[in-house]
């Protein structure tokens, strides 16, 4: 491995293939360093080879390296999404933001809860121009066996803010405390009387964080609904004029 004048790592023709190094930590380190280097053909080739490494840690690092170098194509994402190991699939869900075609919704029905939780988070972080996955996220928020998945789905529904997601968020407000906290915050996205009613009920929640979130959001609503202060510029008859510049 060589370095350029700025100290960035780059692949050298003398470097052994990443898969030829038996130590997993060494292979991970090589991939990470290449991801912080220059996007030379040799580096990209070695990183893409590492996408098929026997270690899921190396494969996950390789996907991140391609994203960092802005060389992650849809085929690489699809390969990672179909990986046998949940660590790689979760990393792929997290990094789908680089693609307009490969969506995190592909992993919302994954068998591994860590993948589903990350896919929900990725859905909430994405800008949806059309057809956001409201039905899928609502089903997870209501019915998933894992509380962290329900929590992440409720938060994603709030981040997306589609009115069709409100019912699931309201139901999540009656879930266990960790889910209620995120669901209460998610209500901020909905301009609906039912959301405000739920915030008022949350003022009596047994959990202080739920109560605090509801109080803060209701106060924000009061401030936004407050009419403009007609006396804001009343001093001296109106907004003060800028001082004249001495010439």
Protein backbone atom coordinates (compact mmCIF):
# COMPACT_ATOMS: atom_id res chain seq x y z
CA UNK A 1 0.00 0.00 0.00
CA UNK A 2 1.29 3.45 -0.93
CA UNK A 3 0.34 6.98 0.16
CA UNK A 4 -0.02 10.15 -1.88
CA UNK A 5 1.44 13.53 -0.94
CA UNK A 6 -1.50 14.18 1.40
CA UNK A 7 -1.05 10.89 3.21
CA UNK A 8 -4.06 9.18 1.61
CA UNK A 9 -3.78 5.42 1.29
CA UNK A 10 -3.84 3.87 -2.16
CA UNK A 11 -3.52 0.36 -3.51
CA UNK A 12 -0.20 -0.70 -4.94
CA UNK A 13 0.39 -3.38 -7.53
CA UNK A 14 2.80 -4.93 -5.03
CA UNK A 15 0.09 -5.32 -2.38
CA UNK A 16 -1.17 -8.86 -1.89
CA UNK A 17 -4.91 -9.43 -2.49
CA UNK A 18 -7.00 -8.57 0.55
CA UNK A 19 -8.40 -12.09 0.59
CA UNK A 20 -4.86 -13.44 0.77
CA UNK A 21 -4.39 -12.05 4.27
CA UNK A 22 -5.52 -14.64 6.79
CA UNK A 23 -6.05 -12.23 9.67
CA UNK A 24 -9.55 -10.74 9.64
CA UNK A 25 -8.48 -7.59 11.50
CA UNK A 26 -5.74 -6.97 8.95
CA UNK A 27 -8.19 -7.35 6.07
CA UNK A 28 -10.67 -4.99 7.73
CA UNK A 29 -7.91 -2.44 8.29
CA UNK A 30 -6.80 -2.66 4.66
CA UNK A 31 -10.33 -2.07 3.39
CA UNK A 32 -10.95 0.86 5.74
CA UNK A 33 -7.68 2.53 4.75
CA UNK A 34 -8.48 2.11 1.06
CA UNK A 35 -11.85 3.74 1.70
CA UNK A 36 -10.06 6.78 3.10
CA UNK A 37 -7.68 6.93 0.16
CA UNK A 38 -8.03 7.75 -3.51
CA UNK A 39 -10.51 6.05 -5.82
CA UNK A 40 -7.89 4.51 -8.08
CA UNK A 41 -8.85 1.53 -10.26
CA UNK A 42 -6.60 -0.73 -8.16
CA UNK A 43 -8.26 0.41 -4.91
CA UNK A 44 -11.79 0.00 -6.24
CA UNK A 45 -10.95 -3.44 -7.60
CA UNK A 46 -9.57 -4.60 -4.25
CA UNK A 47 -12.54 -3.19 -2.34
CA UNK A 48 -15.06 -4.84 -4.66
CA UNK A 49 -13.23 -8.12 -4.26
CA UNK A 50 -13.58 -7.68 -0.50
CA UNK A 51 -17.37 -7.53 -0.93
CA UNK A 52 -17.13 -11.30 -1.32
CA UNK A 53 -14.69 -11.88 1.53
CA UNK A 54 -15.42 -14.82 3.83
CA UNK A 55 -15.76 -12.47 6.80
CA UNK A 56 -18.98 -10.43 7.14
CA UNK A 57 -17.00 -7.70 8.92
CA UNK A 58 -14.75 -7.28 5.89
CA UNK A 59 -17.74 -7.29 3.55
CA UNK A 60 -19.51 -4.61 5.60
CA UNK A 61 -16.39 -2.45 5.71
CA UNK A 62 -15.94 -2.88 1.97
CA UNK A 63 -19.43 -1.54 1.26
CA UNK A 64 -18.77 1.46 3.49
CA UNK A 65 -15.44 2.07 1.72
CA UNK A 66 -17.16 2.19 -1.67
CA UNK A 67 -19.71 4.69 -0.36
CA UNK A 68 -16.97 6.87 1.10
CA UNK A 69 -15.16 6.88 -2.25
CA UNK A 70 -18.46 7.57 -4.06
CA UNK A 71 -18.06 4.38 -6.08
CA UNK A 72 -20.90 2.31 -4.65
CA UNK A 73 -23.15 1.18 -7.50
CA UNK A 74 -26.56 -0.47 -7.29
CA UNK A 75 -25.12 -3.91 -8.00
CA UNK A 76 -22.85 -3.65 -4.95
CA UNK A 77 -25.80 -2.63 -2.78
CA UNK A 78 -27.95 -5.46 -4.09
CA UNK A 79 -25.16 -7.92 -3.37
CA UNK A 80 -24.96 -6.70 0.22
CA UNK A 81 -28.74 -6.68 0.67
CA UNK A 82 -28.80 -10.34 -0.34
CA UNK A 83 -25.89 -11.25 1.96
CA UNK A 84 -26.30 -14.25 4.24
CA UNK A 85 -25.12 -12.32 7.30
CA UNK A 86 -27.35 -9.74 9.05
CA UNK A 87 -24.37 -7.48 9.79
CA UNK A 88 -23.86 -6.89 6.07
CA UNK A 89 -27.57 -6.55 5.33
CA UNK A 90 -27.98 -3.96 8.10
CA UNK A 91 -25.01 -2.00 6.75
CA UNK A 92 -26.55 -2.14 3.28
CA UNK A 93 -29.87 -0.80 4.60
CA UNK A 94 -28.06 2.06 6.28
CA UNK A 95 -26.22 2.98 3.07
CA UNK A 96 -29.12 2.80 0.60
CA UNK A 97 -29.28 6.59 0.70
CA UNK A 98 -26.66 6.64 -2.07
CA UNK A 99 -29.07 4.98 -4.51
CA UNK A 100 -32.27 6.09 -6.13
CA UNK A 101 -33.24 2.56 -7.09
CA UNK A 102 -32.15 0.24 -4.25
CA UNK A 103 -34.45 1.02 -1.33
CA UNK A 104 -34.32 0.07 2.35
CA UNK A 105 -37.87 -1.26 2.03
CA UNK A 106 -36.31 -4.44 0.62
CA UNK A 107 -35.21 -5.28 4.16
CA UNK A 108 -38.28 -4.31 6.18
CA UNK A 109 -39.41 -7.93 6.23
CA UNK A 110 -36.00 -9.37 7.09
CA UNK A 111 -35.83 -12.24 9.57
CA UNK A 112 -33.24 -10.47 11.72
CA UNK A 113 -34.50 -7.74 14.04
CA UNK A 114 -31.30 -5.68 13.79
CA UNK A 115 -31.76 -5.49 10.02
CA UNK A 116 -35.42 -4.48 10.31
CA UNK A 117 -34.61 -1.81 12.89
CA UNK A 118 -31.90 -0.33 10.65
CA UNK A 119 -34.13 -0.51 7.58
CA UNK A 120 -36.85 1.43 9.44
CA UNK A 121 -34.31 4.05 10.43
CA UNK A 122 -33.10 4.30 6.82
CA UNK A 123 -36.67 4.77 5.60
CA UNK A 124 -37.09 7.69 7.98
CA UNK A 125 -33.87 9.31 6.81
CA UNK A 126 -34.75 9.10 3.13
CA UNK A 127 -36.55 11.78 1.09
CA UNK A 128 -39.52 10.05 -0.52
CA UNK A 129 -40.65 11.71 -3.74
CA UNK A 130 -43.49 9.22 -4.05
CA UNK A 131 -44.92 6.07 -2.47
CA UNK A 132 -43.33 6.11 0.99
CA UNK A 133 -43.64 2.72 2.73
CA UNK A 134 -46.33 3.83 5.17
CA UNK A 135 -48.22 0.53 5.21
CA UNK A 136 -45.08 -1.52 5.89
CA UNK A 137 -43.83 0.82 8.60
CA UNK A 138 -47.28 1.00 10.19
CA UNK A 139 -47.49 -2.79 10.36
CA UNK A 140 -44.08 -2.95 12.04
CA UNK A 141 -44.96 -0.16 14.49
CA UNK A 142 -48.16 -1.97 15.50
CA UNK A 143 -47.36 -5.65 15.36
CA UNK A 144 -43.65 -6.46 15.28
CA UNK A 145 -42.50 -8.75 18.09
CA UNK A 146 -39.38 -6.67 18.79
CA UNK A 147 -39.88 -3.41 20.68
CA UNK A 148 -36.84 -1.76 19.07
CA UNK A 149 -38.32 -2.39 15.63
CA UNK A 150 -41.67 -0.93 16.70
CA UNK A 151 -39.87 2.08 18.12
CA UNK A 152 -37.81 2.62 14.97
CA UNK A 153 -40.86 2.26 12.73
CA UNK A 154 -42.84 4.82 14.76
CA UNK A 155 -39.94 7.26 14.56
CA UNK A 156 -39.69 6.72 10.79
CA UNK A 157 -43.40 7.42 10.36
CA UNK A 158 -42.91 10.69 12.21
CA UNK A 159 -39.90 11.57 10.09
CA UNK A 160 -41.85 10.94 6.89
CA UNK A 161 -44.91 12.76 8.21
CA UNK A 162 -47.48 11.16 5.91
CA UNK A 163 -50.99 11.52 7.43
CA UNK A 164 -51.68 7.85 6.72
CA UNK A 165 -49.07 6.96 9.32
CA UNK A 166 -50.79 8.73 12.21
CA UNK A 167 -52.96 5.79 13.33
CA UNK A 168 -49.94 3.55 13.85
CA UNK A 169 -48.10 6.30 15.73
CA UNK A 170 -51.11 6.82 18.00
CA UNK A 171 -51.19 3.10 18.74
CA UNK A 172 -47.46 3.17 19.46
CA UNK A 173 -48.17 5.84 22.07
CA UNK A 174 -49.81 3.09 24.16
CA UNK A 175 -46.88 0.67 23.81
CA UNK A 176 -44.06 0.07 26.30
CA UNK A 177 -42.23 3.12 27.55
CA UNK A 178 -39.32 3.16 25.09
CA UNK A 179 -41.73 3.02 22.17
CA UNK A 180 -44.02 5.65 23.72
CA UNK A 181 -41.12 8.09 23.98
CA UNK A 182 -40.31 7.92 20.28
CA UNK A 183 -43.96 7.81 19.24
CA UNK A 184 -44.77 10.90 21.29
CA UNK A 185 -41.99 12.82 19.57
CA UNK A 186 -43.22 11.53 16.20
CA UNK A 187 -46.58 13.27 16.79
CA UNK A 188 -44.87 16.57 16.05
CA UNK A 189 -45.12 15.77 12.35
CA UNK A 190 -48.92 15.56 12.27
CA UNK A 191 -51.25 18.55 12.06
CA UNK A 192 -54.27 16.66 13.33
CA UNK A 193 -56.52 17.14 16.38
CA UNK A 194 -55.98 13.50 17.34
CA UNK A 195 -52.25 14.14 17.66
CA UNK A 196 -52.85 17.06 20.01
CA UNK A 197 -55.33 15.03 22.05
CA UNK A 198 -52.75 12.30 22.48
CA UNK A 199 -50.12 14.83 23.54
CA UNK A 200 -52.49 16.08 26.24
CA UNK A 201 -53.06 12.53 27.46
CA UNK A 202 -49.30 12.00 27.50
CA UNK A 203 -48.97 14.80 30.06
CA UNK A 204 -50.16 12.24 32.61
CA UNK A 205 -47.89 9.40 31.47
CA UNK A 206 -46.01 7.52 34.19
CA UNK A 207 -42.72 8.15 32.38
CA UNK A 208 -41.22 11.61 32.85
CA UNK A 209 -39.58 11.63 29.42
CA UNK A 210 -42.93 11.04 27.73
CA UNK A 211 -44.47 13.81 29.83
CA UNK A 212 -41.61 16.17 29.02
CA UNK A 213 -41.82 15.49 25.29
CA UNK A 214 -45.56 16.12 25.29
CA UNK A 215 -45.18 19.32 27.29
CA UNK A 216 -42.45 20.61 24.96
CA UNK A 217 -44.44 19.86 21.81
CA UNK A 218 -47.62 21.44 23.16
CA UNK A 219 -45.65 24.55 24.10
CA UNK A 220 -44.19 24.74 20.60
CA UNK A 221 -47.72 24.50 19.24
CA UNK A 222 -48.90 27.32 21.50
CA UNK A 223 -46.05 29.54 20.36
CA UNK A 224 -46.72 28.83 16.68
CA UNK A 225 -50.45 29.45 17.08
CA UNK A 226 -49.95 32.67 18.98
CA UNK A 227 -50.94 35.76 16.93
CA UNK A 228 -48.20 38.13 15.90
CA UNK A 229 -47.30 40.71 18.51
CA UNK A 230 -48.50 44.04 17.15
CA UNK A 231 -46.29 45.87 19.66
CA UNK A 232 -43.10 44.13 18.57
CA UNK A 233 -42.00 47.25 16.69
CA UNK A 234 -43.94 49.76 18.76
CA UNK A 235 -40.83 51.50 20.09
CA UNK A 236 -40.50 54.94 18.48
CA UNK A 237 -43.48 54.29 16.27
CA UNK A 238 -42.12 51.31 14.34
CA UNK A 239 -38.96 49.53 13.31
CA UNK A 240 -35.93 51.64 13.99
CA UNK A 241 -34.21 53.11 11.00
CA UNK A 242 -30.54 52.28 10.48
CA UNK A 243 -28.14 54.92 11.65
CA UNK A 244 -26.98 57.27 8.96
CA UNK A 245 -23.41 56.70 7.91
CA UNK A 246 -21.20 59.69 8.53
CA UNK A 247 -19.77 61.00 5.33
